[in-house]
Amino acid sequence: MLNRTQKDIVILYPEGKIVLGDGDQELGEAVRHCLEQGIRKMVINFSKVSYLDSSGVGELVGCYTSIKNQGGDLRICNLNARISSLIRMTSLHTVFPVMDTEDDALTGF
């Protein structure tokens, strides 16, 4: 998974599908690695994610919980229409900030 750092914020760029057994563990591992490095501010940019299933949603919630438990903050951005609909249907947009663009997500910190 690609990532980049801007000041004290890491932006993660998952790709493809985040589904059971294919991509969901990779996202969680990337977040855990950042937390182990002392990074507490993260943005997950979904611009290259084509599909997210319930397992992927569960992994996203797990990432959010891990970050919050360590005093951090998570924002997500660049959701396609299908993923955005899923996030709204599950009311996760009320749990953590969902931004339209990466710049919006970074500005929020």
PDB file of N, CA and C in Angstrom:
ATOM      1  N   MET A   1       0.844  -1.172   0.000  1.00  0.00           N
ATOM      2  CA  MET A   1       0.000   0.000   0.000  1.00  0.00           C
ATOM      3  C   MET A   1       0.892   1.239   0.000  1.00  0.00           C
ATOM      4  N   LEU A   2       0.575   2.136  -0.880  1.00  0.00           N
ATOM      5  CA  LEU A   2       1.317   3.384  -0.941  1.00  0.00           C
ATOM      6  C   LEU A   2       0.898   4.290   0.209  1.00  0.00           C
ATOM      7  N   ASN A   3       1.834   5.103   0.659  1.00  0.00           N
ATOM      8  CA  ASN A   3       1.504   6.131   1.628  1.00  0.00           C
ATOM      9  C   ASN A   3       2.478   7.276   1.482  1.00  0.00           C
ATOM     10  N   ARG A   4       2.100   8.405   2.010  1.00  0.00           N
ATOM     11  CA  ARG A   4       3.000   9.559   2.050  1.00  0.00           C
ATOM     12  C   ARG A   4       2.726  10.324   3.329  1.00  0.00           C
ATOM     13  N   THR A   5       3.688  11.135   3.711  1.00  0.00           N
ATOM     14  CA  THR A   5       3.571  11.906   4.944  1.00  0.00           C
ATOM     15  C   THR A   5       3.557  13.388   4.610  1.00  0.00           C
ATOM     16  N   GLN A   6       2.672  14.104   5.249  1.00  0.00           N
ATOM     17  CA  GLN A   6       2.643  15.553   5.153  1.00  0.00           C
ATOM     18  C   GLN A   6       2.619  16.085   6.577  1.00  0.00           C
ATOM     19  N   LYS A   7       3.713  16.708   6.973  1.00  0.00           N
ATOM     20  CA  LYS A   7       3.921  17.141   8.356  1.00  0.00           C
ATOM     21  C   LYS A   7       3.812  15.919   9.262  1.00  0.00           C
ATOM     22  N   ASP A   8       2.863  15.908  10.194  1.00  0.00           N
ATOM     23  CA  ASP A   8       2.728  14.768  11.103  1.00  0.00           C
ATOM     24  C   ASP A   8       1.523  13.894  10.749  1.00  0.00           C
ATOM     25  N   ILE A   9       1.095  13.970   9.491  1.00  0.00           N
ATOM     26  CA  ILE A   9      -0.071  13.212   9.021  1.00  0.00           C
ATOM     27  C   ILE A   9       0.378  12.211   7.964  1.00  0.00           C
ATOM     28  N   VAL A  10      -0.094  10.969   8.095  1.00  0.00           N
ATOM     29  CA  VAL A  10       0.171   9.962   7.063  1.00  0.00           C
ATOM     30  C   VAL A  10      -1.091   9.782   6.236  1.00  0.00           C
ATOM     31  N   ILE A  11      -0.906   9.797   4.916  1.00  0.00           N
ATOM     32  CA  ILE A  11      -2.003   9.540   3.997  1.00  0.00           C
ATOM     33  C   ILE A  11      -1.784   8.153   3.403  1.00  0.00           C
ATOM     34  N   LEU A  12      -2.760   7.276   3.609  1.00  0.00           N
ATOM     35  CA  LEU A  12      -2.701   5.910   3.090  1.00  0.00           C
ATOM     36  C   LEU A  12      -3.530   5.831   1.815  1.00  0.00           C
ATOM     37  N   TYR A  13      -3.013   5.086   0.829  1.00  0.00           N
ATOM     38  CA  TYR A  13      -3.682   4.944  -0.459  1.00  0.00           C
ATOM     39  C   TYR A  13      -3.933   3.472  -0.773  1.00  0.00           C
ATOM     40  N   PRO A  14      -4.974   2.876  -0.187  1.00  0.00           N
ATOM     41  CA  PRO A  14      -5.292   1.500  -0.559  1.00  0.00           C
ATOM     42  C   PRO A  14      -5.746   1.454  -2.019  1.00  0.00           C
ATOM     43  N   GLU A  15      -5.617   0.264  -2.633  1.00  0.00           N
ATOM     44  CA  GLU A  15      -6.000   0.120  -4.037  1.00  0.00           C
ATOM     45  C   GLU A  15      -6.863  -1.110  -4.248  1.00  0.00           C
ATOM     46  N   GLY A  16      -7.703  -1.046  -5.266  1.00  0.00           N
ATOM     47  CA  GLY A  16      -8.502  -2.201  -5.658  1.00  0.00           C
ATOM     48  C   GLY A  16      -9.702  -2.411  -4.764  1.00  0.00           C
ATOM     49  N   LYS A  17      -9.916  -3.667  -4.409  1.00  0.00           N
ATOM     50  CA  LYS A  17     -11.059  -4.046  -3.581  1.00  0.00           C
ATOM     51  C   LYS A  17     -10.608  -4.274  -2.141  1.00  0.00           C
ATOM     52  N   ILE A  18     -11.397  -3.795  -1.207  1.00  0.00           N
ATOM     53  CA  ILE A  18     -11.161  -4.078   0.207  1.00  0.00           C
ATOM     54  C   ILE A  18     -12.298  -4.989   0.639  1.00  0.00           C
ATOM     55  N   VAL A  19     -12.015  -6.276   0.542  1.00  0.00           N
ATOM     56  CA  VAL A  19     -13.016  -7.305   0.814  1.00  0.00           C
ATOM     57  C   VAL A  19     -12.386  -8.404   1.655  1.00  0.00           C
ATOM     58  N   LEU A  20     -13.219  -9.297   2.173  1.00  0.00           N
ATOM     59  CA  LEU A  20     -12.743 -10.399   2.995  1.00  0.00           C
ATOM     60  C   LEU A  20     -11.621 -11.142   2.294  1.00  0.00           C
ATOM     61  N   GLY A  21     -10.471 -11.202   2.952  1.00  0.00           N
ATOM     62  CA  GLY A  21      -9.337 -11.960   2.444  1.00  0.00           C
ATOM     63  C   GLY A  21      -8.561 -11.284   1.340  1.00  0.00           C
ATOM     64  N   ASP A  22      -8.929 -10.071   0.945  1.00  0.00           N
ATOM     65  CA  ASP A  22      -8.238  -9.411  -0.166  1.00  0.00           C
ATOM     66  C   ASP A  22      -8.205  -7.909   0.058  1.00  0.00           C
ATOM     67  N   GLY A  23      -7.257  -7.454   0.841  1.00  0.00           N
ATOM     68  CA  GLY A  23      -7.099  -6.022   1.022  1.00  0.00           C
ATOM     69  C   GLY A  23      -7.509  -5.507   2.387  1.00  0.00           C
ATOM     70  N   ASP A  24      -8.418  -6.220   3.069  1.00  0.00           N
ATOM     71  CA  ASP A  24      -8.851  -5.674   4.352  1.00  0.00           C
ATOM     72  C   ASP A  24      -7.757  -5.771   5.399  1.00  0.00           C
ATOM     73  N   GLN A  25      -7.001  -6.872   5.395  1.00  0.00           N
ATOM     74  CA  GLN A  25      -5.919  -7.001   6.371  1.00  0.00           C
ATOM     75  C   GLN A  25      -4.791  -6.014   6.075  1.00  0.00           C
ATOM     76  N   GLU A  26      -4.555  -5.740   4.807  1.00  0.00           N
ATOM     77  CA  GLU A  26      -3.486  -4.822   4.427  1.00  0.00           C
ATOM     78  C   GLU A  26      -3.729  -3.425   5.002  1.00  0.00           C
ATOM     79  N   LEU A  27      -4.956  -2.972   4.961  1.00  0.00           N
ATOM     80  CA  LEU A  27      -5.290  -1.665   5.512  1.00  0.00           C
ATOM     81  C   LEU A  27      -5.055  -1.641   7.017  1.00  0.00           C
ATOM     82  N   GLY A  28      -5.528  -2.658   7.713  1.00  0.00           N
ATOM     83  CA  GLY A  28      -5.323  -2.746   9.160  1.00  0.00           C
ATOM     84  C   GLY A  28      -3.855  -2.815   9.529  1.00  0.00           C
ATOM     85  N   GLU A  29      -3.088  -3.571   8.758  1.00  0.00           N
ATOM     86  CA  GLU A  29      -1.645  -3.671   9.022  1.00  0.00           C
ATOM     87  C   GLU A  29      -0.955  -2.334   8.824  1.00  0.00           C
ATOM     88  N   ALA A  30      -1.352  -1.596   7.793  1.00  0.00           N
ATOM     89  CA  ALA A  30      -0.750  -0.283   7.540  1.00  0.00           C
ATOM     90  C   ALA A  30      -1.049   0.675   8.688  1.00  0.00           C
ATOM     91  N   VAL A  31      -2.282   0.650   9.181  1.00  0.00           N
ATOM     92  CA  VAL A  31      -2.655   1.521  10.305  1.00  0.00           C
ATOM     93  C   VAL A  31      -1.886   1.112  11.557  1.00  0.00           C
ATOM     94  N   ARG A  32      -1.823  -0.180  11.843  1.00  0.00           N
ATOM     95  CA  ARG A  32      -1.076  -0.642  13.032  1.00  0.00           C
ATOM     96  C   ARG A  32       0.399  -0.242  12.940  1.00  0.00           C
ATOM     97  N   HIS A  33       0.969  -0.356  11.763  1.00  0.00           N
ATOM     98  CA  HIS A  33       2.374   0.039  11.585  1.00  0.00           C
ATOM     99  C   HIS A  33       2.553   1.529  11.881  1.00  0.00           C
ATOM    100  N   CYS A  34       1.649   2.352  11.391  1.00  0.00           N
ATOM    101  CA  CYS A  34       1.731   3.798  11.669  1.00  0.00           C
ATOM    102  C   CYS A  34       1.633   4.065  13.168  1.00  0.00           C
ATOM    103  N   LEU A  35       0.693   3.394  13.831  1.00  0.00           N
ATOM    104  CA  LEU A  35       0.541   3.582  15.274  1.00  0.00           C
ATOM    105  C   LEU A  35       1.800   3.162  16.016  1.00  0.00           C
ATOM    106  N   GLU A  36       2.427   2.058  15.597  1.00  0.00           N
ATOM    107  CA  GLU A  36       3.675   1.611  16.223  1.00  0.00           C
ATOM    108  C   GLU A  36       4.783   2.636  16.043  1.00  0.00           C
ATOM    109  N   GLN A  37       4.725   3.397  14.944  1.00  0.00           N
ATOM    110  CA  GLN A  37       5.725   4.438  14.665  1.00  0.00           C
ATOM    111  C   GLN A  37       5.416   5.741  15.403  1.00  0.00           C
ATOM    112  N   GLY A  38       4.302   5.761  16.147  1.00  0.00           N
ATOM    113  CA  GLY A  38       3.928   6.959  16.887  1.00  0.00           C
ATOM    114  C   GLY A  38       3.072   7.939  16.104  1.00  0.00           C
ATOM    115  N   ILE A  39       2.628   7.542  14.924  1.00  0.00           N
ATOM    116  CA  ILE A  39       1.789   8.409  14.092  1.00  0.00           C
ATOM    117  C   ILE A  39       0.346   8.293  14.576  1.00  0.00           C
ATOM    118  N   ARG A  40      -0.275   9.442  14.826  1.00  0.00           N
ATOM    119  CA  ARG A  40      -1.631   9.450  15.376  1.00  0.00           C
ATOM    120  C   ARG A  40      -2.643  10.148  14.473  1.00  0.00           C
ATOM    121  N   LYS A  41      -2.189  10.793  13.408  1.00  0.00           N
ATOM    122  CA  LYS A  41      -3.092  11.466  12.471  1.00  0.00           C
ATOM    123  C   LYS A  41      -2.988  10.762  11.122  1.00  0.00           C
ATOM    124  N   MET A  42      -4.132  10.253  10.646  1.00  0.00           N
ATOM    125  CA  MET A  42      -4.122   9.520   9.387  1.00  0.00           C
ATOM    126  C   MET A  42      -5.303   9.890   8.518  1.00  0.00           C
ATOM    127  N   VAL A  43      -5.051   9.861   7.212  1.00  0.00           N
ATOM    128  CA  VAL A  43      -6.081  10.027   6.197  1.00  0.00           C
ATOM    129  C   VAL A  43      -6.031   8.781   5.330  1.00  0.00           C
ATOM    130  N   ILE A  44      -7.178   8.206   5.052  1.00  0.00           N
ATOM    131  CA  ILE A  44      -7.249   7.106   4.093  1.00  0.00           C
ATOM    132  C   ILE A  44      -7.916   7.658   2.843  1.00  0.00           C
ATOM    133  N   ASN A  45      -7.152   7.700   1.760  1.00  0.00           N
ATOM    134  CA  ASN A  45      -7.622   8.218   0.483  1.00  0.00           C
ATOM    135  C   ASN A  45      -8.133   7.042  -0.348  1.00  0.00           C
ATOM    136  N   PHE A  46      -9.428   7.014  -0.592  1.00  0.00           N
ATOM    137  CA  PHE A  46     -10.072   5.909  -1.298  1.00  0.00           C
ATOM    138  C   PHE A  46     -10.117   6.101  -2.813  1.00  0.00           C
ATOM    139  N   SER A  47      -9.352   7.017  -3.355  1.00  0.00           N
ATOM    140  CA  SER A  47      -9.435   7.317  -4.788  1.00  0.00           C
ATOM    141  C   SER A  47      -9.138   6.114  -5.681  1.00  0.00           C
ATOM    142  N   LYS A  48      -8.367   5.144  -5.192  1.00  0.00           N
ATOM    143  CA  LYS A  48      -8.019   3.977  -6.003  1.00  0.00           C
ATOM    144  C   LYS A  48      -8.716   2.706  -5.531  1.00  0.00           C
ATOM    145  N   VAL A  49      -9.719   2.866  -4.652  1.00  0.00           N
ATOM    146  CA  VAL A  49     -10.484   1.709  -4.168  1.00  0.00           C
ATOM    147  C   VAL A  49     -11.766   1.612  -4.994  1.00  0.00           C
ATOM    148  N   SER A  50     -11.959   0.457  -5.616  1.00  0.00           N
ATOM    149  CA  SER A  50     -13.126   0.276  -6.482  1.00  0.00           C
ATOM    150  C   SER A  50     -14.307  -0.340  -5.745  1.00  0.00           C
ATOM    151  N   TYR A  51     -14.044  -1.058  -4.653  1.00  0.00           N
ATOM    152  CA  TYR A  51     -15.116  -1.801  -4.006  1.00  0.00           C
ATOM    153  C   TYR A  51     -14.782  -2.008  -2.535  1.00  0.00           C
ATOM    154  N   LEU A  52     -15.793  -1.921  -1.696  1.00  0.00           N
ATOM    155  CA  LEU A  52     -15.661  -2.140  -0.257  1.00  0.00           C
ATOM    156  C   LEU A  52     -16.851  -2.986   0.168  1.00  0.00           C
ATOM    157  N   ASP A  53     -16.590  -4.145   0.808  1.00  0.00           N
ATOM    158  CA  ASP A  53     -17.699  -4.972   1.294  1.00  0.00           C
ATOM    159  C   ASP A  53     -17.826  -4.834   2.804  1.00  0.00           C
ATOM    160  N   SER A  54     -18.710  -5.619   3.403  1.00  0.00           N
ATOM    161  CA  SER A  54     -18.951  -5.507   4.843  1.00  0.00           C
ATOM    162  C   SER A  54     -17.703  -5.824   5.656  1.00  0.00           C
ATOM    163  N   SER A  55     -16.884  -6.745   5.168  1.00  0.00           N
ATOM    164  CA  SER A  55     -15.628  -7.047   5.852  1.00  0.00           C
ATOM    165  C   SER A  55     -14.691  -5.841   5.811  1.00  0.00           C
ATOM    166  N   GLY A  56     -14.653  -5.174   4.671  1.00  0.00           N
ATOM    167  CA  GLY A  56     -13.846  -3.962   4.539  1.00  0.00           C
ATOM    168  C   GLY A  56     -14.342  -2.854   5.444  1.00  0.00           C
ATOM    169  N   VAL A  57     -15.667  -2.734   5.560  1.00  0.00           N
ATOM    170  CA  VAL A  57     -16.251  -1.750   6.478  1.00  0.00           C
ATOM    171  C   VAL A  57     -15.835  -2.078   7.904  1.00  0.00           C
ATOM    172  N   GLY A  58     -15.889  -3.359   8.246  1.00  0.00           N
ATOM    173  CA  GLY A  58     -15.459  -3.782   9.583  1.00  0.00           C
ATOM    174  C   GLY A  58     -14.006  -3.447   9.843  1.00  0.00           C
ATOM    175  N   GLU A  59     -13.172  -3.651   8.843  1.00  0.00           N
ATOM    176  CA  GLU A  59     -11.746  -3.316   8.998  1.00  0.00           C
ATOM    177  C   GLU A  59     -11.565  -1.813   9.161  1.00  0.00           C
ATOM    178  N   LEU A  60     -12.321  -1.028   8.423  1.00  0.00           N
ATOM    179  CA  LEU A  60     -12.257   0.426   8.543  1.00  0.00           C
ATOM    180  C   LEU A  60     -12.659   0.874   9.945  1.00  0.00           C
ATOM    181  N   VAL A  61     -13.715   0.293  10.484  1.00  0.00           N
ATOM    182  CA  VAL A  61     -14.151   0.606  11.851  1.00  0.00           C
ATOM    183  C   VAL A  61     -13.067   0.180  12.849  1.00  0.00           C
ATOM    184  N   GLY A  62     -12.452  -0.975  12.619  1.00  0.00           N
ATOM    185  CA  GLY A  62     -11.363  -1.426  13.483  1.00  0.00           C
ATOM    186  C   GLY A  62     -10.184  -0.467  13.453  1.00  0.00           C
ATOM    187  N   CYS A  63      -9.862   0.031  12.269  1.00  0.00           N
ATOM    188  CA  CYS A  63      -8.776   1.016  12.140  1.00  0.00           C
ATOM    189  C   CYS A  63      -9.112   2.276  12.925  1.00  0.00           C
ATOM    190  N   TYR A  64     -10.336   2.755  12.757  1.00  0.00           N
ATOM    191  CA  TYR A  64     -10.779   3.953  13.463  1.00  0.00           C
ATOM    192  C   TYR A  64     -10.676   3.757  14.983  1.00  0.00           C
ATOM    193  N   THR A  65     -11.149   2.610  15.459  1.00  0.00           N
ATOM    194  CA  THR A  65     -11.122   2.324  16.891  1.00  0.00           C
ATOM    195  C   THR A  65      -9.690   2.272  17.411  1.00  0.00           C
ATOM    196  N   SER A  66      -8.812   1.610  16.685  1.00  0.00           N
ATOM    197  CA  SER A  66      -7.396   1.525  17.101  1.00  0.00           C
ATOM    198  C   SER A  66      -6.765   2.901  17.185  1.00  0.00           C
ATOM    199  N   ILE A  67      -7.038   3.732  16.198  1.00  0.00           N
ATOM    200  CA  ILE A  67      -6.463   5.082  16.170  1.00  0.00           C
ATOM    201  C   ILE A  67      -7.021   5.919  17.324  1.00  0.00           C
ATOM    202  N   LYS A  68      -8.340   5.891  17.526  1.00  0.00           N
ATOM    203  CA  LYS A  68      -8.948   6.664  18.605  1.00  0.00           C
ATOM    204  C   LYS A  68      -8.470   6.205  19.978  1.00  0.00           C
ATOM    205  N   ASN A  69      -8.306   4.887  20.153  1.00  0.00           N
ATOM    206  CA  ASN A  69      -7.833   4.350  21.431  1.00  0.00           C
ATOM    207  C   ASN A  69      -6.418   4.815  21.763  1.00  0.00           C
ATOM    208  N   GLN A  70      -5.677   5.218  20.748  1.00  0.00           N
ATOM    209  CA  GLN A  70      -4.310   5.714  20.962  1.00  0.00           C
ATOM    210  C   GLN A  70      -4.260   7.243  20.933  1.00  0.00           C
ATOM    211  N   GLY A  71      -5.437   7.873  20.990  1.00  0.00           N
ATOM    212  CA  GLY A  71      -5.491   9.331  21.026  1.00  0.00           C
ATOM    213  C   GLY A  71      -5.330   9.988  19.673  1.00  0.00           C
ATOM    214  N   GLY A  72      -5.570   9.236  18.601  1.00  0.00           N
ATOM    215  CA  GLY A  72      -5.372   9.764  17.257  1.00  0.00           C
ATOM    216  C   GLY A  72      -6.661  10.171  16.578  1.00  0.00           C
ATOM    217  N   ASP A  73      -6.520  10.490  15.298  1.00  0.00           N
ATOM    218  CA  ASP A  73      -7.644  10.961  14.501  1.00  0.00           C
ATOM    219  C   ASP A  73      -7.536  10.368  13.106  1.00  0.00           C
ATOM    220  N   LEU A  74      -8.678   9.953  12.552  1.00  0.00           N
ATOM    221  CA  LEU A  74      -8.743   9.367  11.214  1.00  0.00           C
ATOM    222  C   LEU A  74      -9.779  10.102  10.392  1.00  0.00           C
ATOM    223  N   ARG A  75      -9.425  10.382   9.153  1.00  0.00           N
ATOM    224  CA  ARG A  75     -10.361  10.948   8.191  1.00  0.00           C
ATOM    225  C   ARG A  75     -10.264  10.146   6.912  1.00  0.00           C
ATOM    226  N   ILE A  76     -11.375  10.048   6.188  1.00  0.00           N
ATOM    227  CA  ILE A  76     -11.344   9.350   4.908  1.00  0.00           C
ATOM    228  C   ILE A  76     -11.800  10.317   3.820  1.00  0.00           C
ATOM    229  N   CYS A  77     -11.333  10.072   2.602  1.00  0.00           N
ATOM    230  CA  CYS A  77     -11.666  10.991   1.512  1.00  0.00           C
ATOM    231  C   CYS A  77     -11.692  10.270   0.172  1.00  0.00           C
ATOM    232  N   ASN A  78     -12.204  10.985  -0.822  1.00  0.00           N
ATOM    233  CA  ASN A  78     -12.245  10.534  -2.218  1.00  0.00           C
ATOM    234  C   ASN A  78     -12.979   9.215  -2.404  1.00  0.00           C
ATOM    235  N   LEU A  79     -14.163   9.114  -1.821  1.00  0.00           N
ATOM    236  CA  LEU A  79     -14.968   7.904  -1.960  1.00  0.00           C
ATOM    237  C   LEU A  79     -15.710   7.930  -3.290  1.00  0.00           C
ATOM    238  N   ASN A  80     -15.770   6.778  -3.961  1.00  0.00           N
ATOM    239  CA  ASN A  80     -16.613   6.717  -5.151  1.00  0.00           C
ATOM    240  C   ASN A  80     -18.074   6.675  -4.706  1.00  0.00           C
ATOM    241  N   ALA A  81     -19.007   6.768  -5.639  1.00  0.00           N
ATOM    242  CA  ALA A  81     -20.433   6.866  -5.299  1.00  0.00           C
ATOM    243  C   ALA A  81     -20.914   5.642  -4.528  1.00  0.00           C
ATOM    244  N   ARG A  82     -20.470   4.452  -4.915  1.00  0.00           N
ATOM    245  CA  ARG A  82     -20.929   3.235  -4.260  1.00  0.00           C
ATOM    246  C   ARG A  82     -20.430   3.162  -2.820  1.00  0.00           C
ATOM    247  N   ILE A  83     -19.150   3.456  -2.610  1.00  0.00           N
ATOM    248  CA  ILE A  83     -18.586   3.405  -1.256  1.00  0.00           C
ATOM    249  C   ILE A  83     -19.191   4.508  -0.394  1.00  0.00           C
ATOM    250  N   SER A  84     -19.382   5.671  -0.973  1.00  0.00           N
ATOM    251  CA  SER A  84     -20.009   6.766  -0.229  1.00  0.00           C
ATOM    252  C   SER A  84     -21.411   6.370   0.220  1.00  0.00           C
ATOM    253  N   SER A  85     -22.160   5.730  -0.656  1.00  0.00           N
ATOM    254  CA  SER A  85     -23.502   5.265  -0.313  1.00  0.00           C
ATOM    255  C   SER A  85     -23.464   4.242   0.823  1.00  0.00           C
ATOM    256  N   LEU A  86     -22.511   3.326   0.766  1.00  0.00           N
ATOM    257  CA  LEU A  86     -22.353   2.318   1.810  1.00  0.00           C
ATOM    258  C   LEU A  86     -22.014   2.968   3.152  1.00  0.00           C
ATOM    259  N   ILE A  87     -21.123   3.941   3.139  1.00  0.00           N
ATOM    260  CA  ILE A  87     -20.733   4.640   4.373  1.00  0.00           C
ATOM    261  C   ILE A  87     -21.942   5.381   4.959  1.00  0.00           C
ATOM    262  N   ARG A  88     -22.740   5.984   4.114  1.00  0.00           N
ATOM    263  CA  ARG A  88     -23.940   6.692   4.586  1.00  0.00           C
ATOM    264  C   ARG A  88     -25.004   5.703   5.072  1.00  0.00           C
ATOM    265  N   MET A  89     -25.188   4.610   4.350  1.00  0.00           N
ATOM    266  CA  MET A  89     -26.193   3.621   4.721  1.00  0.00           C
ATOM    267  C   MET A  89     -25.886   3.010   6.091  1.00  0.00           C
ATOM    268  N   THR A  90     -24.616   2.846   6.400  1.00  0.00           N
ATOM    269  CA  THR A  90     -24.207   2.280   7.682  1.00  0.00           C
ATOM    270  C   THR A  90     -24.024   3.357   8.749  1.00  0.00           C
ATOM    271  N   SER A  91     -24.296   4.610   8.392  1.00  0.00           N
ATOM    272  CA  SER A  91     -24.186   5.780   9.289  1.00  0.00           C
ATOM    273  C   SER A  91     -22.763   6.030   9.779  1.00  0.00           C
ATOM    274  N   LEU A  92     -21.778   5.484   9.087  1.00  0.00           N
ATOM    275  CA  LEU A  92     -20.389   5.718   9.510  1.00  0.00           C
ATOM    276  C   LEU A  92     -19.950   7.154   9.270  1.00  0.00           C
ATOM    277  N   HIS A  93     -20.637   7.871   8.406  1.00  0.00           N
ATOM    278  CA  HIS A  93     -20.295   9.280   8.186  1.00  0.00           C
ATOM    279  C   HIS A  93     -20.548  10.107   9.444  1.00  0.00           C
ATOM    280  N   THR A  94     -21.296   9.545  10.402  1.00  0.00           N
ATOM    281  CA  THR A  94     -21.512  10.238  11.673  1.00  0.00           C
ATOM    282  C   THR A  94     -20.452   9.856  12.707  1.00  0.00           C
ATOM    283  N   VAL A  95     -19.669   8.826  12.400  1.00  0.00           N
ATOM    284  CA  VAL A  95     -18.645   8.342  13.329  1.00  0.00           C
ATOM    285  C   VAL A  95     -17.317   9.033  13.079  1.00  0.00           C
ATOM    286  N   PHE A  96     -16.902   9.078  11.830  1.00  0.00           N
ATOM    287  CA  PHE A  96     -15.647   9.752  11.518  1.00  0.00           C
ATOM    288  C   PHE A  96     -15.818  10.640  10.298  1.00  0.00           C
ATOM    289  N   PRO A  97     -14.966  11.665  10.197  1.00  0.00           N
ATOM    290  CA  PRO A  97     -15.098  12.630   9.106  1.00  0.00           C
ATOM    291  C   PRO A  97     -14.867  11.997   7.733  1.00  0.00           C
ATOM    292  N   VAL A  98     -15.786  12.271   6.816  1.00  0.00           N
ATOM    293  CA  VAL A  98     -15.668  11.863   5.427  1.00  0.00           C
ATOM    294  C   VAL A  98     -15.545  13.143   4.610  1.00  0.00           C
ATOM    295  N   MET A  99     -14.422  13.308   3.950  1.00  0.00           N
ATOM    296  CA  MET A  99     -14.151  14.524   3.191  1.00  0.00           C
ATOM    297  C   MET A  99     -14.187  14.219   1.693  1.00  0.00           C
ATOM    298  N   ASP A 100     -14.506  15.239   0.911  1.00  0.00           N
ATOM    299  CA  ASP A 100     -14.539  15.059  -0.539  1.00  0.00           C
ATOM    300  C   ASP A 100     -13.137  14.874  -1.115  1.00  0.00           C
ATOM    301  N   THR A 101     -12.197  15.694  -0.665  1.00  0.00           N
ATOM    302  CA  THR A 101     -10.846  15.662  -1.237  1.00  0.00           C
ATOM    303  C   THR A 101      -9.794  15.453  -0.145  1.00  0.00           C
ATOM    304  N   GLU A 102      -8.625  15.084  -0.592  1.00  0.00           N
ATOM    305  CA  GLU A 102      -7.508  14.930   0.332  1.00  0.00           C
ATOM    306  C   GLU A 102      -7.149  16.260   0.979  1.00  0.00           C
ATOM    307  N   ASP A 103      -7.181  17.331   0.213  1.00  0.00           N
ATOM    308  CA  ASP A 103      -6.887  18.659   0.776  1.00  0.00           C
ATOM    309  C   ASP A 103      -7.863  19.005   1.893  1.00  0.00           C
ATOM    310  N   ASP A 104      -9.154  18.694   1.691  1.00  0.00           N
ATOM    311  CA  ASP A 104     -10.148  18.944   2.744  1.00  0.00           C
ATOM    312  C   ASP A 104      -9.817  18.155   4.000  1.00  0.00           C
ATOM    313  N   ALA A 105      -9.423  16.907   3.822  1.00  0.00           N
ATOM    314  CA  ALA A 105      -9.093  16.053   4.967  1.00  0.00           C
ATOM    315  C   ALA A 105      -7.877  16.577   5.721  1.00  0.00           C
ATOM    316  N   LEU A 106      -6.881  17.018   4.991  1.00  0.00           N
ATOM    317  CA  LEU A 106      -5.669  17.548   5.626  1.00  0.00           C
ATOM    318  C   LEU A 106      -5.928  18.866   6.339  1.00  0.00           C
ATOM    319  N   THR A 107      -6.758  19.697   5.762  1.00  0.00           N
ATOM    320  CA  THR A 107      -7.086  20.996   6.365  1.00  0.00           C
ATOM    321  C   THR A 107      -7.783  20.806   7.700  1.00  0.00           C
ATOM    322  N   GLY A 108      -8.565  19.744   7.826  1.00  0.00           N
ATOM    323  CA  GLY A 108      -9.327  19.504   9.042  1.00  0.00           C
ATOM    324  C   GLY A 108      -8.480  19.239  10.272  1.00  0.00           C
ATOM    325  N   PHE A 109      -7.219  18.878  10.101  1.00  0.00           N
ATOM    326  CA  PHE A 109      -6.370  18.619  11.266  1.00  0.00           C
ATOM    327  C   PHE A 109      -5.945  19.933  11.829  1.00  0.00           C
TER     328      PHE A 109
END
